[in-house]
Amino acid sequence: MTAQWKQHAQKMLTGNRWLLAGILILFVVLNGIPQSFAPTIDAESMEPLTSIEMTLSFLSFLLTLLIAPLTVGWSWLVLSVSRGDKPAVSKLFEPFQTGYVKHVLAPFFVGLFIFLWALLLVIPGIVKAFSYSLTNYILRDQPELSALEAITESRRMMDGHKMDAFKLVLSFIGWFFVGVFTLGIGFLYVYPYFSTTYAAFYDSLRGADQPRTNHVGTPDMEQGF
């Protein structure tokens, strides 16, 4: 199946690569804004943070939260490309226009849950990262769900499919090295390719999952993380 998802992504990206690369540059630049405010802190220093450093750190954290929907927007963008639509910059900002708070909370909770699981051991953190990896797509297709419900739905959909996701990611290892060895330039090709492939993986699970929904088309929820 990995080969089929990748072939589908390549087909959908034909004629769209340069535009997606340009949107990716915009995405990276905007996501780098909070880091530009973060002060340089020496982890080995025993000196307490100054008031300026504390203010800048808080500002950086606040900005990170405020632009969190960009991550959701990128997922929506590549999902639309995987479904045959042309890339549009407006798709990147769509999560800011509707359900903004929910689209801030979802990435925050995903990051928090992964961090908490990773405190146990690295492996549980990786496993849970795969479990929650469909959250952004679900927010697009099921806007009636809350942030936590979308995370729970992702966990349910990924039940029994985390190894498929792992194999998919593993198949891109060589491409990721290309991105690193080209000082990041290669990621302008690699990341849209990977993201669109993962969106195709989601749509594959979504199609197979339809019979498991209840009579009104809403998945049965079991809260938890």
N, C-alpha and C. Protein backbone atom coordinates (compact mmCIF):
# COMPACT_ATOMS: atom_id res chain seq x y z
N MET A 1 0.82 -1.21 0.00
CA MET A 1 0.00 0.00 0.00
C MET A 1 0.85 1.27 0.00
N THR A 2 2.02 1.22 0.65
CA THR A 2 2.89 2.40 0.70
C THR A 2 3.22 2.89 -0.70
N ALA A 3 3.54 1.95 -1.58
CA ALA A 3 3.88 2.32 -2.96
C ALA A 3 2.69 2.99 -3.65
N GLN A 4 1.49 2.50 -3.39
CA GLN A 4 0.30 3.08 -4.01
C GLN A 4 0.05 4.50 -3.50
N TRP A 5 0.23 4.72 -2.20
CA TRP A 5 0.04 6.06 -1.64
C TRP A 5 1.06 7.03 -2.23
N LYS A 6 2.28 6.56 -2.40
CA LYS A 6 3.33 7.42 -2.94
C LYS A 6 3.09 7.71 -4.42
N GLN A 7 2.64 6.72 -5.15
CA GLN A 7 2.33 6.94 -6.56
C GLN A 7 1.19 7.94 -6.72
N HIS A 8 0.19 7.81 -5.86
CA HIS A 8 -0.94 8.75 -5.89
C HIS A 8 -0.45 10.16 -5.61
N ALA A 9 0.41 10.31 -4.61
CA ALA A 9 0.93 11.63 -4.25
C ALA A 9 1.72 12.23 -5.41
N GLN A 10 2.55 11.43 -6.04
CA GLN A 10 3.34 11.92 -7.17
C GLN A 10 2.44 12.40 -8.29
N LYS A 11 1.38 11.67 -8.53
CA LYS A 11 0.42 12.04 -9.58
C LYS A 11 -0.25 13.37 -9.25
N MET A 12 -0.71 13.51 -8.01
CA MET A 12 -1.41 14.73 -7.61
C MET A 12 -0.47 15.94 -7.55
N LEU A 13 0.82 15.70 -7.34
CA LEU A 13 1.78 16.80 -7.24
C LEU A 13 2.27 17.28 -8.60
N THR A 14 2.00 16.51 -9.63
CA THR A 14 2.44 16.89 -10.97
C THR A 14 1.86 18.25 -11.35
N GLY A 15 2.75 19.18 -11.68
CA GLY A 15 2.32 20.53 -12.04
C GLY A 15 2.08 21.44 -10.86
N ASN A 16 2.20 20.90 -9.65
CA ASN A 16 1.92 21.70 -8.44
C ASN A 16 3.14 21.86 -7.54
N ARG A 17 4.26 21.28 -7.90
CA ARG A 17 5.41 21.22 -6.99
C ARG A 17 5.96 22.61 -6.66
N TRP A 18 6.12 23.46 -7.67
CA TRP A 18 6.72 24.77 -7.42
C TRP A 18 5.83 25.63 -6.55
N LEU A 19 4.54 25.57 -6.80
CA LEU A 19 3.61 26.35 -5.98
C LEU A 19 3.61 25.86 -4.54
N LEU A 20 3.60 24.54 -4.35
CA LEU A 20 3.65 23.99 -3.00
C LEU A 20 4.96 24.32 -2.31
N ALA A 21 6.05 24.32 -3.07
CA ALA A 21 7.35 24.69 -2.49
C ALA A 21 7.32 26.13 -2.01
N GLY A 22 6.69 27.02 -2.79
CA GLY A 22 6.58 28.41 -2.39
C GLY A 22 5.74 28.58 -1.13
N ILE A 23 4.63 27.84 -1.06
CA ILE A 23 3.77 27.90 0.12
C ILE A 23 4.50 27.33 1.34
N LEU A 24 5.31 26.30 1.11
CA LEU A 24 6.09 25.72 2.21
C LEU A 24 7.08 26.74 2.77
N ILE A 25 7.71 27.51 1.89
CA ILE A 25 8.63 28.55 2.36
C ILE A 25 7.89 29.55 3.24
N LEU A 26 6.71 29.97 2.80
CA LEU A 26 5.90 30.89 3.60
C LEU A 26 5.55 30.26 4.94
N PHE A 27 5.17 28.99 4.93
CA PHE A 27 4.82 28.24 6.14
C PHE A 27 5.99 28.20 7.12
N VAL A 28 7.18 27.93 6.61
CA VAL A 28 8.37 27.84 7.46
C VAL A 28 8.72 29.21 8.04
N VAL A 29 8.64 30.25 7.20
CA VAL A 29 8.98 31.60 7.66
C VAL A 29 8.03 32.04 8.78
N LEU A 30 6.74 31.82 8.58
CA LEU A 30 5.75 32.22 9.59
C LEU A 30 5.94 31.44 10.88
N ASN A 31 6.25 30.16 10.76
CA ASN A 31 6.47 29.35 11.96
C ASN A 31 7.77 29.71 12.67
N GLY A 32 8.66 30.38 11.97
CA GLY A 32 9.93 30.77 12.58
C GLY A 32 9.84 32.07 13.35
N ILE A 33 8.73 32.80 13.20
CA ILE A 33 8.58 34.09 13.87
C ILE A 33 8.68 33.97 15.39
N PRO A 34 7.96 33.01 16.03
CA PRO A 34 8.08 32.91 17.50
C PRO A 34 9.51 32.67 17.96
N GLN A 35 10.28 31.87 17.20
CA GLN A 35 11.65 31.57 17.60
C GLN A 35 12.54 32.80 17.52
N SER A 36 12.18 33.74 16.66
CA SER A 36 12.99 34.95 16.53
C SER A 36 12.92 35.82 17.78
N PHE A 37 11.88 35.61 18.59
CA PHE A 37 11.74 36.37 19.84
C PHE A 37 12.35 35.62 21.03
N ALA A 38 12.58 34.33 20.88
CA ALA A 38 13.09 33.53 22.00
C ALA A 38 14.53 33.92 22.32
N PRO A 39 14.82 34.18 23.58
CA PRO A 39 16.19 34.54 23.95
C PRO A 39 17.10 33.33 23.93
N THR A 40 18.38 33.57 23.74
CA THR A 40 19.36 32.49 23.81
C THR A 40 19.68 32.23 25.27
N ILE A 41 19.40 31.01 25.71
CA ILE A 41 19.58 30.66 27.12
C ILE A 41 20.60 29.55 27.24
N ASP A 42 21.59 29.75 28.08
CA ASP A 42 22.62 28.75 28.35
C ASP A 42 22.06 27.72 29.33
N ALA A 43 21.87 26.49 28.85
CA ALA A 43 21.26 25.45 29.68
C ALA A 43 22.13 25.10 30.89
N GLU A 44 23.44 25.35 30.80
CA GLU A 44 24.35 25.00 31.88
C GLU A 44 24.52 26.14 32.89
N SER A 45 23.96 27.29 32.54
CA SER A 45 24.11 28.44 33.44
C SER A 45 23.20 28.30 34.65
N MET A 46 23.72 28.67 35.81
CA MET A 46 22.94 28.61 37.05
C MET A 46 22.27 29.95 37.35
N GLU A 47 22.54 30.93 36.50
CA GLU A 47 21.96 32.25 36.71
C GLU A 47 20.47 32.23 36.40
N PRO A 48 19.63 32.88 37.23
CA PRO A 48 18.19 32.95 36.94
C PRO A 48 17.94 33.82 35.71
N LEU A 49 16.83 33.57 35.05
CA LEU A 49 16.48 34.36 33.88
C LEU A 49 16.20 35.80 34.28
N THR A 50 16.63 36.70 33.43
CA THR A 50 16.33 38.10 33.66
C THR A 50 14.87 38.37 33.30
N SER A 51 14.36 39.51 33.72
CA SER A 51 12.97 39.85 33.41
C SER A 51 12.76 39.95 31.91
N ILE A 52 13.76 40.44 31.20
CA ILE A 52 13.66 40.55 29.73
C ILE A 52 13.60 39.17 29.10
N GLU A 53 14.45 38.27 29.57
CA GLU A 53 14.47 36.91 29.03
C GLU A 53 13.15 36.19 29.30
N MET A 54 12.60 36.39 30.49
CA MET A 54 11.32 35.78 30.82
C MET A 54 10.20 36.34 29.95
N THR A 55 10.24 37.65 29.71
CA THR A 55 9.22 38.30 28.87
C THR A 55 9.30 37.78 27.44
N LEU A 56 10.52 37.70 26.91
CA LEU A 56 10.72 37.22 25.54
C LEU A 56 10.32 35.75 25.41
N SER A 57 10.62 34.95 26.42
CA SER A 57 10.25 33.54 26.40
C SER A 57 8.74 33.37 26.39
N PHE A 58 8.06 34.16 27.22
CA PHE A 58 6.60 34.10 27.26
C PHE A 58 6.00 34.58 25.93
N LEU A 59 6.58 35.64 25.35
CA LEU A 59 6.10 36.16 24.08
C LEU A 59 6.27 35.12 22.98
N SER A 60 7.40 34.43 22.99
CA SER A 60 7.66 33.38 22.00
C SER A 60 6.63 32.26 22.14
N PHE A 61 6.36 31.84 23.37
CA PHE A 61 5.38 30.79 23.62
C PHE A 61 3.98 31.22 23.18
N LEU A 62 3.63 32.46 23.49
CA LEU A 62 2.31 32.98 23.13
C LEU A 62 2.14 33.03 21.61
N LEU A 63 3.16 33.49 20.91
CA LEU A 63 3.10 33.55 19.45
C LEU A 63 3.01 32.15 18.85
N THR A 64 3.70 31.20 19.47
CA THR A 64 3.63 29.81 19.00
C THR A 64 2.20 29.29 19.06
N LEU A 65 1.51 29.62 20.16
CA LEU A 65 0.10 29.21 20.28
C LEU A 65 -0.77 29.92 19.26
N LEU A 66 -0.54 31.21 19.08
CA LEU A 66 -1.40 32.00 18.20
C LEU A 66 -1.33 31.55 16.75
N ILE A 67 -0.16 31.07 16.32
CA ILE A 67 -0.02 30.65 14.92
C ILE A 67 -0.12 29.14 14.76
N ALA A 68 -0.51 28.44 15.83
CA ALA A 68 -0.63 26.99 15.78
C ALA A 68 -1.54 26.50 14.65
N PRO A 69 -2.63 27.23 14.31
CA PRO A 69 -3.49 26.76 13.22
C PRO A 69 -2.79 26.65 11.87
N LEU A 70 -1.61 27.25 11.72
CA LEU A 70 -0.86 27.09 10.47
C LEU A 70 -0.54 25.62 10.22
N THR A 71 -0.23 24.89 11.29
CA THR A 71 0.06 23.46 11.15
C THR A 71 -1.17 22.71 10.65
N VAL A 72 -2.32 23.07 11.17
CA VAL A 72 -3.58 22.49 10.71
C VAL A 72 -3.81 22.86 9.25
N GLY A 73 -3.53 24.13 8.93
CA GLY A 73 -3.74 24.61 7.57
C GLY A 73 -2.88 23.88 6.55
N TRP A 74 -1.63 23.57 6.91
CA TRP A 74 -0.78 22.81 5.99
C TRP A 74 -1.37 21.43 5.73
N SER A 75 -1.88 20.79 6.77
CA SER A 75 -2.50 19.48 6.60
C SER A 75 -3.72 19.56 5.68
N TRP A 76 -4.51 20.61 5.85
CA TRP A 76 -5.69 20.79 5.00
C TRP A 76 -5.26 21.05 3.55
N LEU A 77 -4.18 21.78 3.39
CA LEU A 77 -3.69 22.10 2.05
C LEU A 77 -3.28 20.84 1.30
N VAL A 78 -2.45 20.01 1.93
CA VAL A 78 -1.97 18.81 1.23
C VAL A 78 -3.09 17.79 1.08
N LEU A 79 -4.06 17.81 2.00
CA LEU A 79 -5.21 16.92 1.86
C LEU A 79 -6.02 17.30 0.62
N SER A 80 -6.18 18.60 0.40
CA SER A 80 -6.92 19.06 -0.77
C SER A 80 -6.16 18.72 -2.05
N VAL A 81 -4.83 18.82 -2.01
CA VAL A 81 -4.02 18.45 -3.18
C VAL A 81 -4.14 16.96 -3.45
N SER A 82 -4.10 16.15 -2.39
CA SER A 82 -4.25 14.71 -2.54
C SER A 82 -5.60 14.34 -3.14
N ARG A 83 -6.59 15.21 -2.94
CA ARG A 83 -7.94 14.95 -3.47
C ARG A 83 -8.16 15.60 -4.83
N GLY A 84 -7.08 16.14 -5.41
CA GLY A 84 -7.16 16.63 -6.78
C GLY A 84 -7.33 18.12 -6.95
N ASP A 85 -7.29 18.89 -5.85
CA ASP A 85 -7.44 20.34 -5.95
C ASP A 85 -6.09 21.01 -6.19
N LYS A 86 -6.11 22.20 -6.73
CA LYS A 86 -4.90 22.99 -6.91
C LYS A 86 -4.48 23.61 -5.58
N PRO A 87 -3.18 23.70 -5.32
CA PRO A 87 -2.73 24.33 -4.07
C PRO A 87 -3.17 25.79 -4.02
N ALA A 88 -3.60 26.22 -2.86
CA ALA A 88 -4.02 27.61 -2.68
C ALA A 88 -3.50 28.11 -1.34
N VAL A 89 -2.87 29.27 -1.36
CA VAL A 89 -2.33 29.86 -0.13
C VAL A 89 -3.45 30.05 0.89
N SER A 90 -4.63 30.37 0.42
CA SER A 90 -5.76 30.62 1.33
C SER A 90 -6.07 29.42 2.20
N LYS A 91 -5.80 28.21 1.69
CA LYS A 91 -6.06 27.00 2.46
C LYS A 91 -5.20 26.95 3.73
N LEU A 92 -4.01 27.53 3.64
CA LEU A 92 -3.10 27.55 4.78
C LEU A 92 -3.68 28.35 5.94
N PHE A 93 -4.49 29.36 5.62
CA PHE A 93 -5.03 30.24 6.65
C PHE A 93 -6.49 29.94 6.98
N GLU A 94 -7.06 28.94 6.35
CA GLU A 94 -8.47 28.62 6.57
C GLU A 94 -8.79 28.29 8.02
N PRO A 95 -7.91 27.55 8.75
CA PRO A 95 -8.22 27.25 10.16
C PRO A 95 -8.28 28.48 11.05
N PHE A 96 -7.76 29.62 10.60
CA PHE A 96 -7.85 30.84 11.38
C PHE A 96 -9.25 31.45 11.28
N GLN A 97 -9.97 31.09 10.22
CA GLN A 97 -11.24 31.75 9.92
C GLN A 97 -12.43 31.10 10.61
N THR A 98 -12.36 29.80 10.85
CA THR A 98 -13.45 29.09 11.52
C THR A 98 -12.87 28.17 12.59
N GLY A 99 -13.45 28.20 13.76
CA GLY A 99 -12.99 27.33 14.84
C GLY A 99 -11.58 27.61 15.28
N TYR A 100 -11.20 28.89 15.31
CA TYR A 100 -9.82 29.25 15.61
C TYR A 100 -9.31 28.64 16.92
N VAL A 101 -10.09 28.79 17.99
CA VAL A 101 -9.65 28.30 19.30
C VAL A 101 -9.43 26.78 19.25
N LYS A 102 -10.33 26.08 18.61
CA LYS A 102 -10.19 24.63 18.48
C LYS A 102 -8.91 24.26 17.73
N HIS A 103 -8.59 25.06 16.71
CA HIS A 103 -7.41 24.77 15.90
C HIS A 103 -6.12 25.21 16.58
N VAL A 104 -6.23 25.98 17.65
CA VAL A 104 -5.09 26.26 18.53
C VAL A 104 -4.93 25.12 19.53
N LEU A 105 -6.05 24.68 20.10
CA LEU A 105 -6.01 23.66 21.15
C LEU A 105 -5.56 22.31 20.63
N ALA A 106 -5.97 21.94 19.42
CA ALA A 106 -5.65 20.60 18.91
C ALA A 106 -4.15 20.37 18.82
N PRO A 107 -3.36 21.25 18.14
CA PRO A 107 -1.91 21.04 18.12
C PRO A 107 -1.29 21.11 19.51
N PHE A 108 -1.84 21.98 20.37
CA PHE A 108 -1.31 22.09 21.73
C PHE A 108 -1.50 20.79 22.50
N PHE A 109 -2.71 20.23 22.46
CA PHE A 109 -2.98 18.99 23.18
C PHE A 109 -2.17 17.83 22.60
N VAL A 110 -2.07 17.77 21.28
CA VAL A 110 -1.28 16.70 20.65
C VAL A 110 0.16 16.76 21.14
N GLY A 111 0.75 17.95 21.11
CA GLY A 111 2.13 18.11 21.58
C GLY A 111 2.28 17.77 23.05
N LEU A 112 1.30 18.20 23.86
CA LEU A 112 1.34 17.93 25.29
C LEU A 112 1.25 16.43 25.57
N PHE A 113 0.31 15.75 24.93
CA PHE A 113 0.13 14.31 25.15
C PHE A 113 1.36 13.53 24.73
N ILE A 114 1.94 13.89 23.59
CA ILE A 114 3.14 13.19 23.11
C ILE A 114 4.28 13.41 24.10
N PHE A 115 4.40 14.63 24.60
CA PHE A 115 5.45 14.94 25.58
C PHE A 115 5.28 14.11 26.84
N LEU A 116 4.04 14.02 27.33
CA LEU A 116 3.80 13.27 28.56
C LEU A 116 4.10 11.79 28.36
N TRP A 117 3.71 11.23 27.22
CA TRP A 117 4.02 9.83 26.95
C TRP A 117 5.53 9.62 26.79
N ALA A 118 6.21 10.59 26.19
CA ALA A 118 7.65 10.47 25.98
C ALA A 118 8.42 10.53 27.30
N LEU A 119 7.79 11.11 28.34
CA LEU A 119 8.44 11.14 29.65
C LEU A 119 8.61 9.72 30.19
N LEU A 120 7.71 8.80 29.78
CA LEU A 120 7.82 7.41 30.21
C LEU A 120 9.03 6.77 29.54
N LEU A 121 8.98 6.76 28.21
CA LEU A 121 10.08 6.26 27.39
C LEU A 121 9.91 6.86 26.00
N VAL A 122 10.94 6.82 25.20
CA VAL A 122 10.87 7.39 23.86
C VAL A 122 9.87 6.64 23.00
N ILE A 123 9.88 5.30 23.09
CA ILE A 123 9.02 4.48 22.22
C ILE A 123 7.53 4.81 22.41
N PRO A 124 7.02 4.88 23.66
CA PRO A 124 5.60 5.25 23.81
C PRO A 124 5.28 6.60 23.19
N GLY A 125 6.22 7.54 23.27
CA GLY A 125 6.01 8.85 22.66
C GLY A 125 5.87 8.75 21.16
N ILE A 126 6.71 7.93 20.53
CA ILE A 126 6.66 7.74 19.08
C ILE A 126 5.35 7.07 18.68
N VAL A 127 4.96 6.04 19.44
CA VAL A 127 3.72 5.32 19.15
C VAL A 127 2.52 6.26 19.22
N LYS A 128 2.48 7.10 20.26
CA LYS A 128 1.37 8.04 20.40
C LYS A 128 1.41 9.13 19.34
N ALA A 129 2.59 9.50 18.88
CA ALA A 129 2.68 10.47 17.80
C ALA A 129 1.97 9.95 16.55
N PHE A 130 2.14 8.66 16.28
CA PHE A 130 1.42 8.05 15.16
C PHE A 130 -0.08 8.00 15.45
N SER A 131 -0.43 7.70 16.70
CA SER A 131 -1.85 7.60 17.07
C SER A 131 -2.58 8.91 16.82
N TYR A 132 -1.92 10.03 17.08
CA TYR A 132 -2.57 11.34 16.97
C TYR A 132 -2.35 12.01 15.61
N SER A 133 -1.65 11.33 14.70
CA SER A 133 -1.19 11.98 13.47
C SER A 133 -2.29 12.33 12.49
N LEU A 134 -3.50 11.82 12.67
CA LEU A 134 -4.60 12.12 11.75
C LEU A 134 -5.49 13.25 12.24
N THR A 135 -5.17 13.80 13.39
CA THR A 135 -6.03 14.80 14.03
C THR A 135 -6.37 15.97 13.12
N ASN A 136 -5.37 16.54 12.46
CA ASN A 136 -5.62 17.72 11.63
C ASN A 136 -6.56 17.42 10.48
N TYR A 137 -6.40 16.25 9.86
CA TYR A 137 -7.28 15.89 8.75
C TYR A 137 -8.72 15.70 9.24
N ILE A 138 -8.85 15.10 10.40
CA ILE A 138 -10.18 14.86 10.96
C ILE A 138 -10.89 16.18 11.26
N LEU A 139 -10.13 17.17 11.72
CA LEU A 139 -10.71 18.48 11.98
C LEU A 139 -11.28 19.08 10.69
N ARG A 140 -10.69 18.74 9.56
CA ARG A 140 -11.18 19.24 8.27
C ARG A 140 -12.46 18.52 7.86
N ASP A 141 -12.49 17.20 8.01
CA ASP A 141 -13.62 16.41 7.52
C ASP A 141 -14.77 16.32 8.51
N GLN A 142 -14.47 16.52 9.80
CA GLN A 142 -15.51 16.45 10.83
C GLN A 142 -15.42 17.69 11.72
N PRO A 143 -15.77 18.85 11.17
CA PRO A 143 -15.63 20.11 11.92
C PRO A 143 -16.50 20.20 13.15
N GLU A 144 -17.47 19.30 13.27
CA GLU A 144 -18.34 19.32 14.45
C GLU A 144 -17.63 18.78 15.70
N LEU A 145 -16.50 18.11 15.52
CA LEU A 145 -15.77 17.54 16.65
C LEU A 145 -14.95 18.61 17.36
N SER A 146 -14.80 18.44 18.67
CA SER A 146 -13.91 19.31 19.43
C SER A 146 -12.47 18.85 19.21
N ALA A 147 -11.52 19.61 19.74
CA ALA A 147 -10.11 19.26 19.61
C ALA A 147 -9.84 17.88 20.21
N LEU A 148 -10.32 17.65 21.44
CA LEU A 148 -10.08 16.37 22.10
C LEU A 148 -10.80 15.23 21.40
N GLU A 149 -11.98 15.49 20.87
CA GLU A 149 -12.71 14.44 20.14
C GLU A 149 -12.00 14.07 18.86
N ALA A 150 -11.40 15.05 18.18
CA ALA A 150 -10.64 14.77 16.96
C ALA A 150 -9.41 13.94 17.28
N ILE A 151 -8.76 14.25 18.39
CA ILE A 151 -7.59 13.47 18.82
C ILE A 151 -8.00 12.03 19.13
N THR A 152 -9.12 11.88 19.83
CA THR A 152 -9.63 10.55 20.17
C THR A 152 -9.99 9.78 18.90
N GLU A 153 -10.60 10.45 17.95
CA GLU A 153 -10.97 9.81 16.69
C GLU A 153 -9.73 9.38 15.91
N SER A 154 -8.69 10.19 15.94
CA SER A 154 -7.43 9.82 15.30
C SER A 154 -6.86 8.56 15.94
N ARG A 155 -6.90 8.53 17.26
CA ARG A 155 -6.39 7.36 17.98
C ARG A 155 -7.17 6.10 17.59
N ARG A 156 -8.49 6.26 17.43
CA ARG A 156 -9.31 5.11 17.06
C ARG A 156 -9.02 4.65 15.64
N MET A 157 -8.92 5.61 14.72
CA MET A 157 -8.66 5.25 13.32
C MET A 157 -7.30 4.60 13.13
N MET A 158 -6.33 5.01 13.94
CA MET A 158 -4.98 4.47 13.81
C MET A 158 -4.80 3.13 14.51
N ASP A 159 -5.81 2.69 15.23
CA ASP A 159 -5.73 1.40 15.90
C ASP A 159 -5.53 0.30 14.86
N GLY A 160 -4.42 -0.38 14.94
CA GLY A 160 -4.10 -1.44 13.99
C GLY A 160 -3.41 -0.96 12.73
N HIS A 161 -3.15 0.34 12.64
CA HIS A 161 -2.53 0.90 11.43
C HIS A 161 -1.25 1.69 11.71
N LYS A 162 -0.81 1.68 12.96
CA LYS A 162 0.39 2.44 13.30
C LYS A 162 1.63 1.87 12.60
N MET A 163 1.68 0.56 12.43
CA MET A 163 2.81 -0.04 11.73
C MET A 163 2.82 0.37 10.26
N ASP A 164 1.63 0.50 9.66
CA ASP A 164 1.54 0.97 8.27
C ASP A 164 2.12 2.39 8.17
N ALA A 165 1.76 3.23 9.15
CA ALA A 165 2.27 4.60 9.17
C ALA A 165 3.79 4.61 9.36
N PHE A 166 4.27 3.73 10.23
CA PHE A 166 5.71 3.65 10.48
C PHE A 166 6.46 3.24 9.21
N LYS A 167 5.92 2.26 8.50
CA LYS A 167 6.55 1.81 7.26
C LYS A 167 6.55 2.93 6.22
N LEU A 168 5.46 3.70 6.20
CA LEU A 168 5.38 4.82 5.26
C LEU A 168 6.48 5.84 5.56
N VAL A 169 6.61 6.21 6.83
CA VAL A 169 7.65 7.16 7.22
C VAL A 169 9.03 6.60 6.92
N LEU A 170 9.22 5.31 7.20
CA LEU A 170 10.51 4.67 6.97
C LEU A 170 10.89 4.71 5.49
N SER A 171 9.89 4.62 4.62
CA SER A 171 10.17 4.63 3.18
C SER A 171 10.69 5.97 2.70
N PHE A 172 10.57 7.01 3.54
CA PHE A 172 11.04 8.35 3.17
C PHE A 172 12.38 8.69 3.81
N ILE A 173 12.97 7.76 4.54
CA ILE A 173 14.23 8.04 5.22
C ILE A 173 15.29 8.54 4.24
N GLY A 174 15.41 7.87 3.11
CA GLY A 174 16.39 8.28 2.11
C GLY A 174 16.15 9.69 1.61
N TRP A 175 14.87 10.03 1.39
CA TRP A 175 14.52 11.37 0.96
C TRP A 175 14.85 12.40 2.04
N PHE A 176 14.63 12.05 3.31
CA PHE A 176 14.95 12.97 4.40
C PHE A 176 16.45 13.27 4.44
N PHE A 177 17.25 12.25 4.18
CA PHE A 177 18.70 12.46 4.13
C PHE A 177 19.07 13.40 2.99
N VAL A 178 18.37 13.27 1.87
CA VAL A 178 18.60 14.18 0.75
C VAL A 178 18.35 15.62 1.20
N GLY A 179 17.25 15.81 1.94
CA GLY A 179 16.94 17.14 2.44
C GLY A 179 18.02 17.68 3.35
N VAL A 180 18.56 16.82 4.21
CA VAL A 180 19.62 17.24 5.14
C VAL A 180 20.90 17.55 4.40
N PHE A 181 21.30 16.67 3.46
CA PHE A 181 22.56 16.84 2.74
C PHE A 181 22.54 18.03 1.79
N THR A 182 21.36 18.50 1.43
CA THR A 182 21.25 19.69 0.57
C THR A 182 21.00 20.94 1.39
N LEU A 183 21.30 20.86 2.69
CA LEU A 183 21.17 21.98 3.62
C LEU A 183 19.74 22.51 3.69
N GLY A 184 18.79 21.58 3.57
CA GLY A 184 17.38 21.93 3.72
C GLY A 184 16.68 22.25 2.42
N ILE A 185 17.43 22.54 1.37
CA ILE A 185 16.80 22.91 0.10
C ILE A 185 15.97 21.75 -0.45
N GLY A 186 16.48 20.54 -0.28
CA GLY A 186 15.78 19.36 -0.79
C GLY A 186 14.42 19.15 -0.16
N PHE A 187 14.21 19.71 1.03
CA PHE A 187 12.93 19.53 1.70
C PHE A 187 11.80 20.27 0.98
N LEU A 188 12.16 21.23 0.12
CA LEU A 188 11.14 21.91 -0.68
C LEU A 188 10.45 20.93 -1.62
N TYR A 189 11.16 19.86 -1.96
CA TYR A 189 10.58 18.78 -2.77
C TYR A 189 10.07 17.66 -1.88
N VAL A 190 10.86 17.30 -0.88
CA VAL A 190 10.58 16.12 -0.07
C VAL A 190 9.36 16.30 0.82
N TYR A 191 9.27 17.45 1.53
CA TYR A 191 8.20 17.59 2.51
C TYR A 191 6.80 17.63 1.89
N PRO A 192 6.58 18.37 0.79
CA PRO A 192 5.26 18.29 0.15
C PRO A 192 4.95 16.87 -0.33
N TYR A 193 5.96 16.18 -0.82
CA TYR A 193 5.78 14.80 -1.27
C TYR A 193 5.37 13.91 -0.10
N PHE A 194 6.09 14.01 1.01
CA PHE A 194 5.76 13.21 2.19
C PHE A 194 4.38 13.57 2.74
N SER A 195 4.10 14.87 2.86
CA SER A 195 2.84 15.32 3.44
C SER A 195 1.64 14.88 2.60
N THR A 196 1.77 14.97 1.29
CA THR A 196 0.68 14.55 0.41
C THR A 196 0.49 13.05 0.47
N THR A 197 1.58 12.31 0.59
CA THR A 197 1.48 10.85 0.73
C THR A 197 0.77 10.47 2.02
N TYR A 198 1.09 11.19 3.10
CA TYR A 198 0.44 10.88 4.38
C TYR A 198 -1.04 11.23 4.34
N ALA A 199 -1.38 12.28 3.60
CA ALA A 199 -2.79 12.63 3.41
C ALA A 199 -3.52 11.53 2.65
N ALA A 200 -2.83 10.94 1.66
CA ALA A 200 -3.41 9.82 0.91
C ALA A 200 -3.61 8.61 1.82
N PHE A 201 -2.66 8.41 2.73
CA PHE A 201 -2.78 7.34 3.72
C PHE A 201 -4.02 7.55 4.59
N TYR A 202 -4.25 8.80 5.01
CA TYR A 202 -5.44 9.11 5.80
C TYR A 202 -6.71 8.80 5.02
N ASP A 203 -6.76 9.25 3.77
CA ASP A 203 -7.96 9.02 2.97
C ASP A 203 -8.21 7.53 2.76
N SER A 204 -7.13 6.75 2.68
CA SER A 204 -7.28 5.30 2.55
C SER A 204 -7.93 4.71 3.79
N LEU A 205 -7.47 5.15 4.96
CA LEU A 205 -8.07 4.67 6.22
C LEU A 205 -9.50 5.16 6.35
N ARG A 206 -9.72 6.39 5.94
CA ARG A 206 -11.06 6.97 6.05
C ARG A 206 -12.06 6.20 5.19
N GLY A 207 -11.64 5.84 3.98
CA GLY A 207 -12.52 5.08 3.11
C GLY A 207 -12.83 3.71 3.66
N ALA A 208 -11.79 3.06 4.23
CA ALA A 208 -11.99 1.72 4.80
C ALA A 208 -12.79 1.78 6.09
N ASP A 209 -12.80 2.96 6.73
CA ASP A 209 -13.43 3.11 8.05
C ASP A 209 -14.92 3.42 7.96
N GLN A 210 -15.41 3.80 6.81
CA GLN A 210 -16.80 4.22 6.68
C GLN A 210 -17.81 3.21 7.24
N PRO A 211 -17.66 1.91 6.99
CA PRO A 211 -18.64 0.96 7.54
C PRO A 211 -18.67 0.91 9.06
N ARG A 212 -17.61 1.43 9.72
CA ARG A 212 -17.54 1.35 11.17
C ARG A 212 -18.24 2.51 11.86
N THR A 213 -18.72 3.49 11.09
CA THR A 213 -19.42 4.60 11.70
C THR A 213 -20.85 4.21 12.00
N ASN A 214 -21.48 4.96 12.88
CA ASN A 214 -22.84 4.60 13.29
C ASN A 214 -23.86 5.07 12.27
N HIS A 215 -25.14 4.93 12.55
CA HIS A 215 -26.17 5.15 11.56
C HIS A 215 -26.33 6.60 11.14
N VAL A 216 -25.80 7.54 11.92
CA VAL A 216 -25.88 8.94 11.51
C VAL A 216 -24.55 9.41 10.94
N GLY A 217 -23.62 8.48 10.79
CA GLY A 217 -22.35 8.83 10.15
C GLY A 217 -21.34 9.41 11.09
N THR A 218 -21.58 9.37 12.39
CA THR A 218 -20.63 9.90 13.35
C THR A 218 -19.96 8.77 14.10
N PRO A 219 -18.61 8.75 14.14
CA PRO A 219 -17.92 7.65 14.79
C PRO A 219 -18.26 7.57 16.28
N ASP A 220 -18.35 6.37 16.79
CA ASP A 220 -18.54 6.19 18.22
C ASP A 220 -17.26 6.63 18.94
N MET A 221 -17.41 7.47 19.95
CA MET A 221 -16.25 8.03 20.64
C MET A 221 -16.02 7.34 21.99
N GLU A 222 -14.76 7.13 22.26
CA GLU A 222 -14.36 6.67 23.59
C GLU A 222 -13.22 7.58 24.02
N GLN A 223 -13.51 8.51 24.91
CA GLN A 223 -12.53 9.51 25.28
C GLN A 223 -11.31 8.87 25.94
N GLY A 224 -10.17 9.51 25.75
CA GLY A 224 -8.94 9.06 26.35
C GLY A 224 -7.75 9.50 25.52
N PHE A 225 -6.55 9.27 26.04
CA PHE A 225 -5.37 9.62 25.27
C PHE A 225 -4.26 8.59 25.49
